[in-house]
N, C-alpha and C. Protein backbone atom coordinates (compact mmCIF):
# COMPACT_ATOMS: atom_id res chain seq x y z
N MET A 1 0.85 -1.17 0.00
CA MET A 1 0.00 0.00 0.00
C MET A 1 0.90 1.24 0.00
N THR A 2 0.63 2.14 -0.91
CA THR A 2 1.42 3.37 -0.97
C THR A 2 0.79 4.41 -0.07
N ASP A 3 1.55 5.50 0.18
CA ASP A 3 1.04 6.57 1.03
C ASP A 3 -0.26 7.15 0.48
N SER A 4 -0.38 7.21 -0.86
CA SER A 4 -1.58 7.83 -1.44
C SER A 4 -2.80 6.92 -1.36
N THR A 5 -2.61 5.60 -1.18
CA THR A 5 -3.76 4.69 -1.10
C THR A 5 -4.06 4.25 0.33
N ARG A 6 -3.16 4.54 1.25
CA ARG A 6 -3.36 4.16 2.65
C ARG A 6 -4.44 5.06 3.28
N PRO A 7 -5.38 4.47 4.00
CA PRO A 7 -6.40 5.31 4.65
C PRO A 7 -5.75 6.29 5.62
N ARG A 8 -6.25 7.50 5.64
CA ARG A 8 -5.72 8.52 6.54
C ARG A 8 -6.17 8.22 7.96
N ALA A 9 -5.25 8.37 8.88
CA ALA A 9 -5.57 8.17 10.29
C ALA A 9 -6.50 9.28 10.73
N ARG A 10 -7.48 8.93 11.53
CA ARG A 10 -8.37 9.96 12.08
C ARG A 10 -7.59 10.75 13.12
N ARG A 11 -7.74 12.03 13.03
CA ARG A 11 -6.99 12.91 13.91
C ARG A 11 -7.97 13.82 14.63
N SER A 12 -7.93 13.77 15.94
CA SER A 12 -8.80 14.64 16.74
C SER A 12 -8.29 16.06 16.70
N PRO A 13 -9.19 17.03 16.89
CA PRO A 13 -8.74 18.42 16.94
C PRO A 13 -7.79 18.64 18.11
N THR A 14 -6.86 19.54 17.91
CA THR A 14 -5.91 19.91 18.96
C THR A 14 -6.64 20.76 20.01
N PRO A 15 -6.03 20.94 21.18
CA PRO A 15 -6.65 21.83 22.19
C PRO A 15 -6.90 23.24 21.66
N ASP A 16 -5.96 23.78 20.87
CA ASP A 16 -6.16 25.12 20.30
C ASP A 16 -7.33 25.12 19.32
N GLU A 17 -7.43 24.08 18.50
CA GLU A 17 -8.54 23.98 17.54
C GLU A 17 -9.88 23.83 18.27
N LEU A 18 -9.89 23.05 19.34
CA LEU A 18 -11.11 22.88 20.12
C LEU A 18 -11.52 24.19 20.81
N ARG A 19 -10.54 24.95 21.28
CA ARG A 19 -10.83 26.24 21.91
C ARG A 19 -11.47 27.19 20.89
N ALA A 20 -10.94 27.22 19.67
CA ALA A 20 -11.52 28.06 18.61
C ALA A 20 -12.94 27.58 18.27
N TRP A 21 -13.12 26.27 18.17
CA TRP A 21 -14.43 25.70 17.86
C TRP A 21 -15.46 26.06 18.94
N ARG A 22 -15.09 25.83 20.20
CA ARG A 22 -16.03 26.13 21.29
C ARG A 22 -16.35 27.61 21.35
N GLY A 23 -15.35 28.45 21.16
CA GLY A 23 -15.59 29.89 21.16
C GLY A 23 -16.57 30.29 20.06
N PHE A 24 -16.38 29.71 18.88
CA PHE A 24 -17.27 30.00 17.76
C PHE A 24 -18.69 29.54 18.06
N ILE A 25 -18.85 28.29 18.46
CA ILE A 25 -20.18 27.72 18.70
C ILE A 25 -20.89 28.44 19.85
N GLU A 26 -20.20 28.63 20.95
CA GLU A 26 -20.84 29.26 22.12
C GLU A 26 -21.24 30.71 21.82
N THR A 27 -20.39 31.42 21.08
CA THR A 27 -20.71 32.80 20.73
C THR A 27 -21.87 32.85 19.75
N ALA A 28 -21.88 31.97 18.76
CA ALA A 28 -22.98 31.93 17.78
C ALA A 28 -24.30 31.58 18.47
N GLN A 29 -24.25 30.65 19.42
CA GLN A 29 -25.48 30.29 20.14
C GLN A 29 -25.99 31.44 20.99
N THR A 30 -25.09 32.13 21.67
CA THR A 30 -25.49 33.27 22.49
C THR A 30 -26.06 34.39 21.63
N LEU A 31 -25.39 34.68 20.52
CA LEU A 31 -25.87 35.71 19.60
C LEU A 31 -27.26 35.35 19.08
N ASN A 32 -27.43 34.11 18.65
CA ASN A 32 -28.72 33.68 18.13
C ASN A 32 -29.80 33.75 19.20
N ALA A 33 -29.48 33.34 20.42
CA ALA A 33 -30.46 33.39 21.51
C ALA A 33 -30.89 34.83 21.80
N ARG A 34 -29.94 35.74 21.81
CA ARG A 34 -30.27 37.15 22.08
C ARG A 34 -31.12 37.75 20.97
N LEU A 35 -30.74 37.47 19.71
CA LEU A 35 -31.52 37.99 18.59
C LEU A 35 -32.93 37.40 18.57
N THR A 36 -33.02 36.10 18.85
CA THR A 36 -34.32 35.43 18.87
C THR A 36 -35.21 36.00 19.97
N SER A 37 -34.65 36.20 21.14
CA SER A 37 -35.41 36.74 22.27
C SER A 37 -35.92 38.14 21.96
N ARG A 38 -35.06 38.96 21.41
CA ARG A 38 -35.47 40.34 21.09
C ARG A 38 -36.51 40.36 19.98
N LEU A 39 -36.35 39.52 18.98
CA LEU A 39 -37.32 39.45 17.90
C LEU A 39 -38.70 39.10 18.45
N GLN A 40 -38.76 38.07 19.29
CA GLN A 40 -40.03 37.63 19.88
C GLN A 40 -40.65 38.74 20.74
N LYS A 41 -39.83 39.37 21.57
CA LYS A 41 -40.33 40.40 22.48
C LYS A 41 -40.80 41.64 21.72
N GLU A 42 -40.06 42.03 20.69
CA GLU A 42 -40.36 43.28 19.99
C GLU A 42 -41.42 43.14 18.90
N SER A 43 -41.61 41.91 18.39
CA SER A 43 -42.53 41.77 17.25
C SER A 43 -43.58 40.68 17.42
N GLY A 44 -43.36 39.78 18.38
CA GLY A 44 -44.28 38.65 18.52
C GLY A 44 -44.00 37.53 17.54
N LEU A 45 -43.00 37.69 16.70
CA LEU A 45 -42.63 36.64 15.74
C LEU A 45 -41.50 35.80 16.30
N THR A 46 -41.54 34.51 16.02
CA THR A 46 -40.43 33.65 16.36
C THR A 46 -39.37 33.75 15.26
N SER A 47 -38.19 33.27 15.53
CA SER A 47 -37.17 33.28 14.49
C SER A 47 -37.59 32.37 13.33
N ALA A 48 -38.32 31.30 13.61
CA ALA A 48 -38.83 30.43 12.55
C ALA A 48 -39.85 31.18 11.69
N ASP A 49 -40.74 31.94 12.33
CA ASP A 49 -41.69 32.77 11.56
C ASP A 49 -40.93 33.72 10.64
N TYR A 50 -39.94 34.40 11.21
CA TYR A 50 -39.18 35.40 10.46
C TYR A 50 -38.47 34.75 9.27
N THR A 51 -37.91 33.56 9.48
CA THR A 51 -37.22 32.85 8.40
C THR A 51 -38.17 32.56 7.24
N VAL A 52 -39.36 32.06 7.55
CA VAL A 52 -40.34 31.76 6.51
C VAL A 52 -40.82 33.04 5.83
N LEU A 53 -41.13 34.06 6.62
CA LEU A 53 -41.61 35.32 6.05
C LEU A 53 -40.55 35.97 5.17
N LEU A 54 -39.29 35.88 5.56
CA LEU A 54 -38.21 36.43 4.74
C LEU A 54 -38.14 35.74 3.39
N ALA A 55 -38.19 34.40 3.40
CA ALA A 55 -38.12 33.65 2.14
C ALA A 55 -39.29 34.01 1.24
N LEU A 56 -40.48 34.12 1.80
CA LEU A 56 -41.65 34.45 0.99
C LEU A 56 -41.61 35.90 0.50
N SER A 57 -41.10 36.80 1.32
CA SER A 57 -41.04 38.21 0.92
C SER A 57 -40.07 38.41 -0.24
N GLU A 58 -39.08 37.53 -0.35
CA GLU A 58 -38.10 37.63 -1.44
C GLU A 58 -38.50 36.86 -2.69
N ALA A 59 -39.56 36.08 -2.61
CA ALA A 59 -39.99 35.24 -3.73
C ALA A 59 -40.86 36.04 -4.71
N ASP A 60 -40.81 35.63 -5.98
CA ASP A 60 -41.68 36.25 -6.98
C ASP A 60 -43.13 36.06 -6.57
N GLY A 61 -43.88 37.14 -6.56
CA GLY A 61 -45.27 37.08 -6.22
C GLY A 61 -45.54 36.74 -4.77
N ARG A 62 -44.51 36.80 -3.94
CA ARG A 62 -44.62 36.50 -2.50
C ARG A 62 -45.17 35.10 -2.26
N ARG A 63 -44.83 34.15 -3.14
CA ARG A 63 -45.29 32.78 -2.96
C ARG A 63 -44.27 31.79 -3.50
N LEU A 64 -44.26 30.62 -2.87
CA LEU A 64 -43.38 29.52 -3.28
C LEU A 64 -44.12 28.20 -3.11
N ARG A 65 -43.76 27.22 -3.93
CA ARG A 65 -44.26 25.87 -3.69
C ARG A 65 -43.73 25.42 -2.34
N SER A 66 -44.46 24.57 -1.67
CA SER A 66 -44.05 24.09 -0.35
C SER A 66 -42.65 23.48 -0.40
N SER A 67 -42.38 22.70 -1.42
CA SER A 67 -41.06 22.06 -1.53
C SER A 67 -39.95 23.08 -1.73
N GLU A 68 -40.23 24.13 -2.50
CA GLU A 68 -39.23 25.18 -2.72
C GLU A 68 -39.00 25.97 -1.43
N LEU A 69 -40.07 26.20 -0.68
CA LEU A 69 -39.93 26.92 0.59
C LEU A 69 -39.13 26.09 1.58
N ALA A 70 -39.38 24.78 1.64
CA ALA A 70 -38.61 23.91 2.54
C ALA A 70 -37.13 23.97 2.18
N ASP A 71 -36.82 23.95 0.90
CA ASP A 71 -35.43 24.04 0.47
C ASP A 71 -34.84 25.41 0.81
N ALA A 72 -35.62 26.46 0.62
CA ALA A 72 -35.13 27.82 0.87
C ALA A 72 -34.79 28.04 2.33
N VAL A 73 -35.56 27.45 3.24
CA VAL A 73 -35.31 27.64 4.67
C VAL A 73 -34.52 26.48 5.26
N ASP A 74 -34.21 25.48 4.43
CA ASP A 74 -33.41 24.32 4.83
C ASP A 74 -34.05 23.55 5.99
N TRP A 75 -35.35 23.26 5.82
CA TRP A 75 -36.11 22.50 6.81
C TRP A 75 -36.64 21.23 6.18
N GLU A 76 -36.90 20.25 7.02
CA GLU A 76 -37.62 19.06 6.59
C GLU A 76 -39.05 19.48 6.25
N ARG A 77 -39.64 18.81 5.26
CA ARG A 77 -40.99 19.18 4.84
C ARG A 77 -42.02 19.03 5.97
N SER A 78 -41.85 18.01 6.81
CA SER A 78 -42.82 17.82 7.91
C SER A 78 -42.73 18.97 8.91
N ARG A 79 -41.52 19.43 9.22
CA ARG A 79 -41.37 20.57 10.13
C ARG A 79 -42.04 21.80 9.53
N LEU A 80 -41.80 22.03 8.24
CA LEU A 80 -42.39 23.19 7.58
C LEU A 80 -43.91 23.10 7.60
N SER A 81 -44.46 21.95 7.32
CA SER A 81 -45.90 21.78 7.28
C SER A 81 -46.53 22.12 8.63
N HIS A 82 -45.95 21.63 9.70
CA HIS A 82 -46.47 21.93 11.04
C HIS A 82 -46.37 23.42 11.35
N HIS A 83 -45.24 24.01 10.98
CA HIS A 83 -45.06 25.43 11.28
C HIS A 83 -46.00 26.29 10.44
N LEU A 84 -46.20 25.92 9.19
CA LEU A 84 -47.11 26.69 8.33
C LEU A 84 -48.53 26.67 8.89
N ARG A 85 -48.94 25.55 9.46
CA ARG A 85 -50.28 25.48 10.05
C ARG A 85 -50.42 26.53 11.16
N ARG A 86 -49.40 26.64 11.99
CA ARG A 86 -49.45 27.64 13.06
C ARG A 86 -49.44 29.07 12.49
N MET A 87 -48.67 29.27 11.44
CA MET A 87 -48.61 30.60 10.82
C MET A 87 -49.93 30.94 10.11
N GLU A 88 -50.57 29.93 9.51
CA GLU A 88 -51.88 30.15 8.89
C GLU A 88 -52.91 30.58 9.93
N ASN A 89 -52.86 29.95 11.09
CA ASN A 89 -53.80 30.29 12.16
C ASN A 89 -53.65 31.74 12.62
N ARG A 90 -52.49 32.33 12.37
CA ARG A 90 -52.23 33.73 12.74
C ARG A 90 -52.32 34.65 11.53
N ASP A 91 -52.79 34.12 10.39
CA ASP A 91 -52.98 34.88 9.14
C ASP A 91 -51.67 35.49 8.62
N LEU A 92 -50.55 34.81 8.84
CA LEU A 92 -49.28 35.28 8.30
C LEU A 92 -49.04 34.75 6.89
N VAL A 93 -49.52 33.53 6.64
CA VAL A 93 -49.39 32.89 5.34
C VAL A 93 -50.70 32.16 5.02
N ARG A 94 -50.84 31.77 3.76
CA ARG A 94 -51.95 30.90 3.37
C ARG A 94 -51.43 29.93 2.32
N ARG A 95 -52.03 28.76 2.31
CA ARG A 95 -51.71 27.77 1.28
C ARG A 95 -52.77 27.87 0.20
N VAL A 96 -52.30 27.91 -1.03
CA VAL A 96 -53.20 28.01 -2.18
C VAL A 96 -52.84 26.93 -3.19
N GLU A 97 -53.83 26.56 -4.02
CA GLU A 97 -53.56 25.57 -5.05
C GLU A 97 -52.53 26.12 -6.02
N CYS A 98 -51.69 25.23 -6.49
CA CYS A 98 -50.68 25.61 -7.47
C CYS A 98 -51.36 25.75 -8.83
N ALA A 99 -51.14 26.87 -9.49
CA ALA A 99 -51.81 27.16 -10.75
C ALA A 99 -51.46 26.16 -11.85
N ASP A 100 -50.23 25.64 -11.86
CA ASP A 100 -49.83 24.75 -12.95
C ASP A 100 -49.78 23.28 -12.55
N ASP A 101 -50.14 22.96 -11.31
CA ASP A 101 -50.13 21.56 -10.86
C ASP A 101 -51.17 21.42 -9.75
N PHE A 102 -52.34 20.87 -10.09
CA PHE A 102 -53.44 20.81 -9.13
C PHE A 102 -53.11 19.95 -7.91
N ARG A 103 -52.09 19.10 -8.01
CA ARG A 103 -51.72 18.27 -6.85
C ARG A 103 -50.85 19.05 -5.87
N GLY A 104 -50.21 20.08 -6.34
CA GLY A 104 -49.28 20.83 -5.50
C GLY A 104 -49.94 22.01 -4.82
N ALA A 105 -49.25 22.53 -3.84
CA ALA A 105 -49.73 23.72 -3.13
C ALA A 105 -48.60 24.74 -3.08
N GLU A 106 -49.00 25.98 -3.07
CA GLU A 106 -48.05 27.06 -2.89
C GLU A 106 -48.35 27.75 -1.56
N VAL A 107 -47.32 28.30 -0.97
CA VAL A 107 -47.47 29.05 0.26
C VAL A 107 -47.32 30.52 -0.12
N GLU A 108 -48.27 31.30 0.33
CA GLU A 108 -48.33 32.71 -0.05
C GLU A 108 -48.27 33.58 1.20
N LEU A 109 -47.51 34.63 1.12
CA LEU A 109 -47.43 35.62 2.18
C LEU A 109 -48.71 36.46 2.15
N THR A 110 -49.43 36.53 3.26
CA THR A 110 -50.63 37.36 3.32
C THR A 110 -50.23 38.82 3.50
N ASP A 111 -51.19 39.72 3.30
CA ASP A 111 -50.92 41.14 3.55
C ASP A 111 -50.55 41.35 5.02
N HIS A 112 -51.27 40.67 5.91
CA HIS A 112 -50.96 40.78 7.34
C HIS A 112 -49.54 40.25 7.61
N GLY A 113 -49.17 39.15 6.97
CA GLY A 113 -47.83 38.59 7.12
C GLY A 113 -46.76 39.55 6.62
N ALA A 114 -47.03 40.20 5.49
CA ALA A 114 -46.07 41.17 4.94
C ALA A 114 -45.90 42.36 5.88
N ARG A 115 -47.02 42.85 6.44
CA ARG A 115 -46.93 43.98 7.40
C ARG A 115 -46.18 43.55 8.66
N SER A 116 -46.47 42.35 9.13
CA SER A 116 -45.78 41.84 10.34
C SER A 116 -44.29 41.71 10.09
N PHE A 117 -43.93 41.21 8.91
CA PHE A 117 -42.52 41.04 8.57
C PHE A 117 -41.81 42.40 8.50
N ARG A 118 -42.43 43.36 7.82
CA ARG A 118 -41.81 44.70 7.71
C ARG A 118 -41.66 45.34 9.09
N ALA A 119 -42.68 45.21 9.92
CA ALA A 119 -42.62 45.80 11.26
C ALA A 119 -41.55 45.12 12.11
N ALA A 120 -41.37 43.83 11.95
CA ALA A 120 -40.36 43.10 12.72
C ALA A 120 -38.95 43.39 12.23
N SER A 121 -38.82 43.67 10.93
CA SER A 121 -37.49 43.85 10.34
C SER A 121 -36.75 45.05 10.91
N VAL A 122 -37.45 46.13 11.20
CA VAL A 122 -36.77 47.34 11.69
C VAL A 122 -36.05 47.07 13.02
N PRO A 123 -36.75 46.60 14.06
CA PRO A 123 -36.02 46.34 15.31
C PRO A 123 -35.05 45.16 15.20
N HIS A 124 -35.39 44.18 14.37
CA HIS A 124 -34.49 43.02 14.23
C HIS A 124 -33.17 43.45 13.59
N LEU A 125 -33.24 44.23 12.53
CA LEU A 125 -32.00 44.67 11.88
C LEU A 125 -31.23 45.63 12.77
N ARG A 126 -31.93 46.39 13.58
CA ARG A 126 -31.26 47.26 14.57
C ARG A 126 -30.48 46.39 15.56
N ALA A 127 -31.09 45.28 16.00
CA ALA A 127 -30.41 44.37 16.94
C ALA A 127 -29.22 43.69 16.27
N VAL A 128 -29.35 43.32 15.00
CA VAL A 128 -28.22 42.73 14.27
C VAL A 128 -27.06 43.71 14.23
N ARG A 129 -27.37 44.97 13.95
CA ARG A 129 -26.31 45.99 13.93
C ARG A 129 -25.68 46.13 15.31
N GLU A 130 -26.50 46.25 16.34
CA GLU A 130 -26.00 46.48 17.70
C GLU A 130 -25.17 45.31 18.22
N LEU A 131 -25.67 44.09 18.05
CA LEU A 131 -25.02 42.93 18.66
C LEU A 131 -23.94 42.29 17.80
N PHE A 132 -23.98 42.51 16.49
CA PHE A 132 -23.02 41.85 15.60
C PHE A 132 -22.17 42.87 14.84
N VAL A 133 -22.79 43.65 13.99
CA VAL A 133 -22.03 44.55 13.10
C VAL A 133 -21.17 45.53 13.89
N ASP A 134 -21.76 46.20 14.87
CA ASP A 134 -21.02 47.23 15.61
C ASP A 134 -19.91 46.67 16.50
N ALA A 135 -19.92 45.37 16.75
CA ALA A 135 -18.87 44.75 17.57
C ALA A 135 -17.59 44.51 16.77
N LEU A 136 -17.67 44.64 15.45
CA LEU A 136 -16.55 44.28 14.58
C LEU A 136 -16.11 45.47 13.74
N THR A 137 -14.83 45.45 13.38
CA THR A 137 -14.32 46.45 12.44
C THR A 137 -14.70 46.01 11.03
N PRO A 138 -14.62 46.92 10.05
CA PRO A 138 -14.88 46.52 8.66
C PRO A 138 -13.98 45.35 8.21
N GLU A 139 -12.73 45.36 8.66
CA GLU A 139 -11.81 44.27 8.30
C GLU A 139 -12.27 42.95 8.93
N GLN A 140 -12.72 43.00 10.17
CA GLN A 140 -13.20 41.80 10.83
C GLN A 140 -14.47 41.27 10.15
N LEU A 141 -15.33 42.17 9.71
CA LEU A 141 -16.53 41.74 8.98
C LEU A 141 -16.14 41.02 7.69
N ASP A 142 -15.12 41.54 7.00
CA ASP A 142 -14.62 40.86 5.80
C ASP A 142 -14.09 39.47 6.14
N GLN A 143 -13.39 39.35 7.27
CA GLN A 143 -12.87 38.06 7.70
C GLN A 143 -14.01 37.10 8.05
N VAL A 144 -15.04 37.60 8.72
CA VAL A 144 -16.20 36.75 9.04
C VAL A 144 -16.84 36.25 7.74
N GLU A 145 -16.97 37.13 6.78
CA GLU A 145 -17.55 36.73 5.49
C GLU A 145 -16.70 35.65 4.82
N ALA A 146 -15.39 35.82 4.84
CA ALA A 146 -14.50 34.81 4.25
C ALA A 146 -14.57 33.48 5.00
N LEU A 147 -14.61 33.56 6.32
CA LEU A 147 -14.70 32.34 7.13
C LEU A 147 -16.01 31.60 6.90
N THR A 148 -17.11 32.33 6.87
CA THR A 148 -18.39 31.66 6.67
C THR A 148 -18.50 31.11 5.26
N ALA A 149 -17.89 31.77 4.28
CA ALA A 149 -17.89 31.23 2.91
C ALA A 149 -17.10 29.92 2.85
N ALA A 150 -15.97 29.87 3.55
CA ALA A 150 -15.18 28.63 3.59
C ALA A 150 -15.96 27.51 4.27
N LEU A 151 -16.61 27.82 5.38
CA LEU A 151 -17.41 26.82 6.08
C LEU A 151 -18.57 26.34 5.22
N ARG A 152 -19.27 27.28 4.58
CA ARG A 152 -20.41 26.92 3.72
C ARG A 152 -19.94 26.03 2.56
N SER A 153 -18.81 26.37 1.98
CA SER A 153 -18.28 25.56 0.88
C SER A 153 -18.01 24.13 1.34
N ARG A 154 -17.40 23.98 2.51
CA ARG A 154 -17.13 22.65 3.06
C ARG A 154 -18.43 21.90 3.33
N LEU A 155 -19.38 22.59 3.93
CA LEU A 155 -20.67 21.95 4.25
C LEU A 155 -21.42 21.55 2.99
N ASP A 156 -21.31 22.35 1.94
CA ASP A 156 -22.01 22.05 0.69
C ASP A 156 -21.39 20.89 -0.08
N THR A 157 -20.10 20.61 0.17
CA THR A 157 -19.43 19.56 -0.60
C THR A 157 -19.10 18.30 0.21
N ALA A 158 -19.07 18.41 1.53
CA ALA A 158 -18.73 17.25 2.37
C ALA A 158 -19.95 16.34 2.47
N PRO A 159 -19.71 15.02 2.44
CA PRO A 159 -20.84 14.11 2.60
C PRO A 159 -21.41 14.21 4.00
N ASP A 160 -22.73 14.06 4.11
CA ASP A 160 -23.39 14.09 5.41
C ASP A 160 -23.38 12.67 5.95
N ARG A 161 -22.43 12.39 6.80
CA ARG A 161 -22.25 11.02 7.32
C ARG A 161 -23.43 10.57 8.17
N ALA A 162 -24.13 11.51 8.80
CA ALA A 162 -25.27 11.15 9.64
C ALA A 162 -26.45 10.68 8.78
N ALA A 163 -26.52 11.17 7.52
CA ALA A 163 -27.63 10.81 6.65
C ALA A 163 -27.51 9.36 6.18
N GLY A 164 -26.35 8.78 6.34
CA GLY A 164 -26.17 7.38 6.03
C GLY A 164 -25.83 7.20 4.62
C-alpha cells in the first residue's frame, strides 16, 4: 500500500482547535439566543416565523411551492408543514392551489404577514447591527464573510455522514 492509497488516520482536533471551535459555537449560540429573544419580544414573531416570512417576501409574487420553501429555509418538509399550520392560524401565510399543478400547493405571504414582517425587520435589523455589526471592524466583517464562505463551501461539498 502506498502513502496515497493508505487510509488517513483519524486525527482529533488539537486543544487550540477545540478552543476556537467552542468559542465560535458558544458565541454563535449566544448571539442567536439574544436575537431570537429580542425578535419575539419586539414583534411577537419567532425566528422560525421570520425565516419563513423572509423567504416568501423575497420570492416572486410572494409565494413559493411548499417544496421550494422547505429548500429555501433548509427545513424538513414535515417541520415546515407543522409550522405553516401555526402561521396560517395567525394569518401570516396561506396555502393556495398551485396554478400549474393541481396536486401541489403554494405558500403565499398574506398582507398581514407582509406587514408583520416589515414591522419586525426594523427592530431586528437594529439588533443585528447592535449585537453583531457594531462589535466588529470593517476588516473583521470581511474576515467573518471569508470564514463563513469557507465553512459553507465545506458543508455544501462534504458528505453528510449522519444521513447514512
